[in-house]
Amino acid sequence: MRIALATCRDLPDWEIDDRPLHAAFAARGVELAHPVWNDPTVDWSSFAAVLIRTTWDYQEHREEFVAWAERVAGRTRLFNPPGVVRWNTHKSYLRELADLGAPLAPTVWLEAGAQVTIRQILEYYPWERAFIKPLVGATARETLRFRADEEGLARAQAHLERLLPHEALMIQPYLPGIEEEGELSAVYFDGEFSHGVRKIPVPGDYRAQDDFGASDEPWSFGPDELDLADGVLRLAERRFGRLLYARIDFLRGPDGDLLLNEFEAVEPSLFFRHAPEAAGRLADALLGRLAAAGATP
């Protein structure tokens, strides 16, 4: 059986953290390939399944990426499926989850082309510090943290004027918990909690990606916090059914409760380096789905 781990041109082999996943599939007799998602020469029908992994340039080509997912799903089994890809590559999904009850920080949603100033927004939301990010983005692309002083407001207004004419944005209060505790991530396979991770930015920064020097370590969620993460996952599953994989990211709010920061169900880092045995759980979950669908090695 051949399975593809879809990647991007900048990562033609694989991301180092996925090496336990390769070992897990090899131990189960599965041959892996690492095709670039937008390589027109790839015959996706030659694979028993395609697992989206390191397609980390999609934010520059979102519509092309969604169309690719739909094509691939017409030729073989894609995980996660194209409906999830379309939904989860636009941060309006956070609004949907919040409407269903997920805990989200207060958020101002700005459609592309909206005529608004940052001062108008902060008249209604008197935040001392705030955070701007695009609704299509990854790896902190075009994010901005600013203070509500003259210098910060000028920076934020310039940011809005540059981005808002052509892309939707969201604005939230800045949560200093990202600097104090980091971002807390719950990883799930086939609807079941697998392991937790804490991502810690460098001092004074808010970016929790290792691209910016952030570190990470295993994390144990308390029972109530894990119940919260389970509940957020179930909200997404109302729409899509059981997801093969997902990573749910939280930040600590000002009252000490966890707030949803991201729900990653397309190409998340899964931090196998902190739980190598978890790679076997993902491999077994995928192979179990293929067996249930009648696929054979």
Protein backbone atom coordinates (compact mmCIF):
# COMPACT_ATOMS: atom_id res chain seq x y z
CA MET A 1 0.00 0.00 0.00
CA ARG A 2 1.25 3.49 -0.89
CA ILE A 3 0.23 6.57 1.05
CA ALA A 4 1.20 10.14 0.19
CA LEU A 5 2.17 12.72 2.78
CA ALA A 6 1.48 15.92 0.87
CA THR A 7 4.11 18.62 1.29
CA CYS A 8 5.21 21.88 -0.36
CA ARG A 9 8.14 22.81 -2.59
CA ASP A 10 10.15 24.21 0.31
CA LEU A 11 9.96 20.83 2.10
CA PRO A 12 10.40 18.22 -0.64
CA ASP A 13 11.23 15.39 1.76
CA TRP A 14 9.62 15.82 5.17
CA GLU A 15 9.62 17.91 8.28
CA ILE A 16 11.90 16.40 10.92
CA ASP A 17 9.12 16.11 13.49
CA ASP A 18 7.26 13.66 11.24
CA ARG A 19 10.04 11.06 11.30
CA PRO A 20 8.23 8.94 13.94
CA LEU A 21 5.24 8.90 11.57
CA HIS A 22 7.42 7.50 8.81
CA ALA A 23 8.72 4.83 11.14
CA ALA A 24 5.19 3.94 12.23
CA PHE A 25 3.96 3.47 8.67
CA ALA A 26 7.07 1.52 7.69
CA ALA A 27 6.52 -0.84 10.63
CA ARG A 28 3.04 -1.48 9.25
CA GLY A 29 4.28 -2.28 5.77
CA VAL A 30 3.20 0.99 4.18
CA GLU A 31 5.27 2.72 1.51
CA LEU A 32 5.29 6.49 1.83
CA ALA A 33 5.83 9.20 -0.74
CA HIS A 34 6.16 12.96 -0.28
CA PRO A 35 4.62 14.64 -3.34
CA VAL A 36 4.37 18.41 -3.55
CA TRP A 37 0.70 19.33 -3.45
CA ASN A 38 0.76 21.63 -6.48
CA ASP A 39 3.06 19.49 -8.65
CA PRO A 40 0.98 18.88 -11.81
CA THR A 41 2.85 15.66 -12.64
CA VAL A 42 1.66 13.76 -9.54
CA ASP A 43 -0.85 10.96 -10.12
CA TRP A 44 -2.83 11.17 -6.89
CA SER A 45 -4.96 8.17 -7.86
CA SER A 46 -1.88 5.97 -7.45
CA PHE A 47 -2.10 6.34 -3.66
CA ALA A 48 -4.46 4.53 -1.33
CA ALA A 49 -4.72 7.78 0.63
CA VAL A 50 -3.28 11.27 0.82
CA LEU A 51 -2.49 12.72 4.24
CA ILE A 52 -2.01 16.49 4.23
CA ARG A 53 1.10 17.26 6.24
CA THR A 54 3.54 20.05 5.42
CA THR A 55 1.69 22.09 2.78
CA TRP A 56 2.90 25.20 4.54
CA ASP A 57 2.68 27.60 1.61
CA TYR A 58 -1.08 27.22 1.11
CA GLN A 59 -1.90 30.65 2.57
CA GLU A 60 -0.41 32.27 -0.52
CA HIS A 61 -2.60 30.14 -2.80
CA ARG A 62 -5.68 29.30 -0.74
CA GLU A 63 -8.23 28.93 -3.53
CA GLU A 64 -5.81 26.83 -5.56
CA PHE A 65 -5.15 24.71 -2.49
CA VAL A 66 -8.84 24.11 -1.82
CA ALA A 67 -9.41 23.23 -5.48
CA TRP A 68 -6.50 20.78 -5.26
CA ALA A 69 -8.04 19.12 -2.21
CA GLU A 70 -11.34 18.72 -4.04
CA ARG A 71 -9.61 17.16 -7.06
CA VAL A 72 -7.58 14.76 -4.95
CA ALA A 73 -10.65 13.67 -3.01
CA GLY A 74 -12.22 12.73 -6.34
CA ARG A 75 -9.31 10.38 -7.08
CA THR A 76 -8.47 8.85 -3.70
CA ARG A 77 -9.10 9.30 0.01
CA LEU A 78 -7.93 12.65 1.38
CA PHE A 79 -7.39 13.35 5.08
CA ASN A 80 -8.76 15.56 6.28
CA PRO A 81 -11.40 15.90 3.52
CA PRO A 82 -11.86 18.94 1.28
CA GLY A 83 -14.80 20.36 3.21
CA VAL A 84 -12.55 20.60 6.25
CA VAL A 85 -9.81 22.16 4.13
CA ARG A 86 -12.08 24.92 2.83
CA TRP A 87 -13.55 25.62 6.28
CA ASN A 88 -10.33 25.47 8.27
CA THR A 89 -8.12 27.56 5.99
CA HIS A 90 -10.23 30.67 6.69
CA LYS A 91 -10.34 31.89 10.27
CA SER A 92 -14.04 32.65 10.05
CA TYR A 93 -14.30 29.09 11.38
CA LEU A 94 -13.44 30.61 14.78
CA ARG A 95 -16.57 32.73 14.60
CA GLU A 96 -18.64 29.66 13.81
CA LEU A 97 -17.17 27.71 16.71
CA ALA A 98 -17.72 30.65 19.05
CA ASP A 99 -21.35 30.90 17.94
CA LEU A 100 -21.70 27.22 18.90
CA GLY A 101 -20.25 27.86 22.34
CA ALA A 102 -16.46 27.66 22.06
CA PRO A 103 -14.68 30.15 24.36
CA LEU A 104 -13.15 32.86 22.17
CA ALA A 105 -11.71 36.22 23.15
CA PRO A 106 -13.84 39.21 22.08
CA THR A 107 -13.26 39.63 18.36
CA VAL A 108 -13.90 42.32 15.76
CA TRP A 109 -14.39 40.80 12.31
CA LEU A 110 -13.55 43.03 9.35
CA GLU A 111 -14.49 42.06 5.82
CA ALA A 112 -12.12 42.98 3.00
CA GLY A 113 -12.82 46.51 1.85
CA ALA A 114 -14.45 47.63 5.11
CA GLN A 115 -14.21 51.36 5.78
CA VAL A 116 -13.16 51.66 9.41
CA THR A 117 -10.37 53.13 11.49
CA ILE A 118 -8.59 51.55 14.41
CA ARG A 119 -9.67 54.48 16.59
CA GLN A 120 -13.32 53.77 15.81
CA ILE A 121 -12.87 50.16 16.84
CA LEU A 122 -11.14 50.99 20.11
CA GLU A 123 -13.85 53.49 21.02
CA TYR A 124 -16.09 50.46 21.52
CA TYR A 125 -13.38 48.10 22.75
CA PRO A 126 -11.08 50.00 25.15
CA TRP A 127 -8.25 47.49 24.99
CA GLU A 128 -4.84 48.66 26.18
CA ARG A 129 -3.16 46.25 23.78
CA ALA A 130 -4.65 44.52 20.77
CA PHE A 131 -3.77 42.09 18.05
CA ILE A 132 -4.53 42.07 14.31
CA LYS A 133 -4.34 39.02 12.08
CA PRO A 134 -5.63 38.06 8.64
CA LEU A 135 -8.38 35.47 8.25
CA VAL A 136 -6.17 33.55 5.85
CA GLY A 137 -2.73 33.03 7.25
CA ALA A 138 -0.25 30.79 8.97
CA THR A 139 3.07 31.13 10.81
CA ALA A 140 2.07 34.58 12.14
CA ARG A 141 1.81 36.03 8.62
CA GLU A 142 0.93 39.74 8.72
CA THR A 143 0.06 39.70 12.42
CA LEU A 144 0.51 42.84 14.49
CA ARG A 145 0.57 43.42 18.23
CA PHE A 146 0.12 47.06 19.23
CA ARG A 147 -0.56 49.33 22.19
CA ALA A 148 -3.44 51.80 22.19
CA ASP A 149 -1.11 54.81 22.39
CA GLU A 150 -0.41 57.27 19.61
CA GLU A 151 2.51 55.33 18.18
CA GLY A 152 0.68 52.01 18.39
CA LEU A 153 -2.52 53.36 16.86
CA ALA A 154 -0.56 54.82 13.96
CA ARG A 155 1.13 51.47 13.33
CA ALA A 156 -2.18 49.63 13.54
CA GLN A 157 -3.92 52.07 11.20
CA ALA A 158 -1.14 51.71 8.64
CA HIS A 159 -1.48 47.93 8.94
CA LEU A 160 -5.23 48.13 8.34
CA GLU A 161 -4.84 50.46 5.38
CA ARG A 162 -2.32 48.14 3.75
CA LEU A 163 -4.21 44.86 4.25
CA LEU A 164 -7.91 45.60 4.62
CA PRO A 165 -8.55 46.69 1.01
CA HIS A 166 -7.88 43.14 -0.20
CA GLU A 167 -8.24 40.73 2.73
CA ALA A 168 -10.44 40.14 5.76
CA LEU A 169 -8.97 40.72 9.21
CA MET A 170 -9.76 40.02 12.84
CA ILE A 171 -8.85 42.14 15.86
CA GLN A 172 -8.74 40.83 19.42
CA PRO A 173 -7.41 42.02 22.76
CA TYR A 174 -3.83 40.98 23.19
CA LEU A 175 -3.61 38.15 25.74
CA PRO A 176 -0.35 38.41 27.71
CA GLY A 177 -0.79 34.78 28.72
CA ILE A 178 1.05 33.91 25.51
CA GLU A 179 4.20 35.45 27.04
CA GLU A 180 3.61 34.15 30.57
CA GLU A 181 2.51 30.58 29.91
CA GLY A 182 2.66 30.11 26.15
CA GLU A 183 0.17 28.48 23.82
CA LEU A 184 -1.30 25.17 24.97
CA SER A 185 -2.12 22.58 22.31
CA ALA A 186 -4.25 19.44 22.51
CA VAL A 187 -3.61 16.89 19.75
CA TYR A 188 -6.36 14.47 18.71
CA PHE A 189 -6.43 11.41 16.47
CA ASP A 190 -9.70 9.88 15.31
CA GLY A 191 -11.64 11.85 17.90
CA GLU A 192 -9.50 10.81 20.87
CA PHE A 193 -7.05 12.94 22.82
CA SER A 194 -3.45 11.89 22.12
CA HIS A 195 -1.05 14.33 23.80
CA GLY A 196 -0.54 17.89 24.94
CA VAL A 197 2.15 20.43 24.07
CA ARG A 198 3.12 23.84 25.40
CA LYS A 199 4.71 26.28 22.94
CA ILE A 200 6.75 29.05 24.53
CA PRO A 201 7.75 32.20 22.59
CA VAL A 202 11.11 33.83 23.18
CA PRO A 203 10.92 36.47 25.94
CA GLY A 204 8.95 39.50 24.85
CA ASP A 205 7.57 37.86 21.71
CA TYR A 206 4.10 36.46 21.04
CA ARG A 207 4.87 34.11 18.15
CA ALA A 208 4.70 30.49 19.26
CA GLN A 209 6.25 28.99 16.12
CA ASP A 210 9.76 27.58 16.12
CA ASP A 211 10.39 29.71 13.00
CA PHE A 212 10.71 32.60 15.48
CA GLY A 213 12.76 30.77 18.09
CA ALA A 214 9.89 29.47 20.21
CA SER A 215 10.46 26.29 22.19
CA ASP A 216 8.00 23.54 23.04
CA GLU A 217 7.57 20.85 25.64
CA PRO A 218 5.05 18.21 26.73
CA TRP A 219 2.02 19.55 28.56
CA SER A 220 -0.54 17.87 30.80
CA PHE A 221 -4.04 19.33 30.64
CA GLY A 222 -6.13 19.26 33.79
CA PRO A 223 -9.41 17.31 33.65
CA ASP A 224 -11.58 20.41 33.23
CA GLU A 225 -9.29 21.80 30.55
CA LEU A 226 -9.32 18.51 28.68
CA ASP A 227 -13.12 18.47 28.88
CA LEU A 228 -13.07 21.94 27.32
CA ALA A 229 -10.79 20.79 24.49
CA ASP A 230 -12.98 17.72 23.92
CA GLY A 231 -16.00 20.00 23.72
CA VAL A 232 -14.41 22.22 21.08
CA LEU A 233 -13.56 19.15 19.00
CA ARG A 234 -17.15 17.92 19.23
CA LEU A 235 -18.39 21.26 17.92
CA ALA A 236 -16.34 20.78 14.74
CA GLU A 237 -17.44 17.16 14.51
CA ARG A 238 -21.08 18.26 14.43
CA ARG A 239 -20.35 19.54 10.95
CA PHE A 240 -17.73 17.11 9.66
CA GLY A 241 -18.01 13.93 11.65
CA ARG A 242 -14.99 12.39 13.29
CA LEU A 243 -11.76 14.01 12.15
CA LEU A 244 -8.70 11.86 11.55
CA TYR A 245 -6.50 14.47 13.21
CA ALA A 246 -6.77 17.90 14.80
CA ARG A 247 -4.76 20.20 17.03
CA ILE A 248 -6.59 22.68 19.23
CA ASP A 249 -4.62 25.67 20.52
CA PHE A 250 -5.55 27.68 23.61
CA LEU A 251 -4.34 30.79 25.40
CA ARG A 252 -4.96 31.67 29.02
CA GLY A 253 -7.45 34.52 29.36
CA PRO A 254 -7.34 37.32 31.94
CA ASP A 255 -9.61 35.39 34.32
CA GLY A 256 -7.46 32.26 34.13
CA ASP A 257 -9.73 30.28 31.82
CA LEU A 258 -8.58 28.86 28.50
CA LEU A 259 -9.67 30.63 25.33
CA LEU A 260 -9.62 29.10 21.87
CA ASN A 261 -6.82 30.50 19.73
CA GLU A 262 -6.76 28.15 16.73
CA PHE A 263 -8.36 24.91 15.57
CA GLU A 264 -5.92 23.21 13.20
CA ALA A 265 -7.30 20.36 11.08
CA VAL A 266 -5.44 20.76 7.78
CA GLU A 267 -1.64 20.79 8.14
CA PRO A 268 -0.78 21.20 11.82
CA SER A 269 2.51 20.34 13.41
CA LEU A 270 1.66 17.34 15.57
CA PHE A 271 4.75 17.37 17.82
CA PHE A 272 5.57 13.69 17.56
CA ARG A 273 8.95 14.52 19.08
CA HIS A 274 7.19 14.80 22.43
CA ALA A 275 5.08 11.67 21.94
CA PRO A 276 6.72 9.32 19.39
CA GLU A 277 4.21 6.58 20.22
CA ALA A 278 1.43 8.89 19.03
CA ALA A 279 2.62 8.39 15.45
CA GLY A 280 1.47 4.79 15.69
CA ARG A 281 -1.96 5.95 16.84
CA LEU A 282 -2.33 8.15 13.77
CA ALA A 283 -1.07 5.42 11.45
CA ASP A 284 -3.48 2.88 12.96
CA ALA A 285 -6.38 5.32 12.73
CA LEU A 286 -5.73 6.01 9.05
CA LEU A 287 -5.20 2.35 8.17
CA GLY A 288 -8.33 1.44 10.09
CA ARG A 289 -10.35 3.84 7.98
CA LEU A 290 -8.88 2.43 4.80
CA ALA A 291 -9.65 -1.13 5.91
CA ALA A 292 -13.23 -0.14 6.73
CA ALA A 293 -13.51 1.31 3.22
CA GLY A 294 -12.24 -1.93 1.68
CA ALA A 295 -8.70 -0.85 0.87
CA THR A 296 -6.12 -3.62 1.12
CA PRO A 297 -2.31 -3.52 1.41
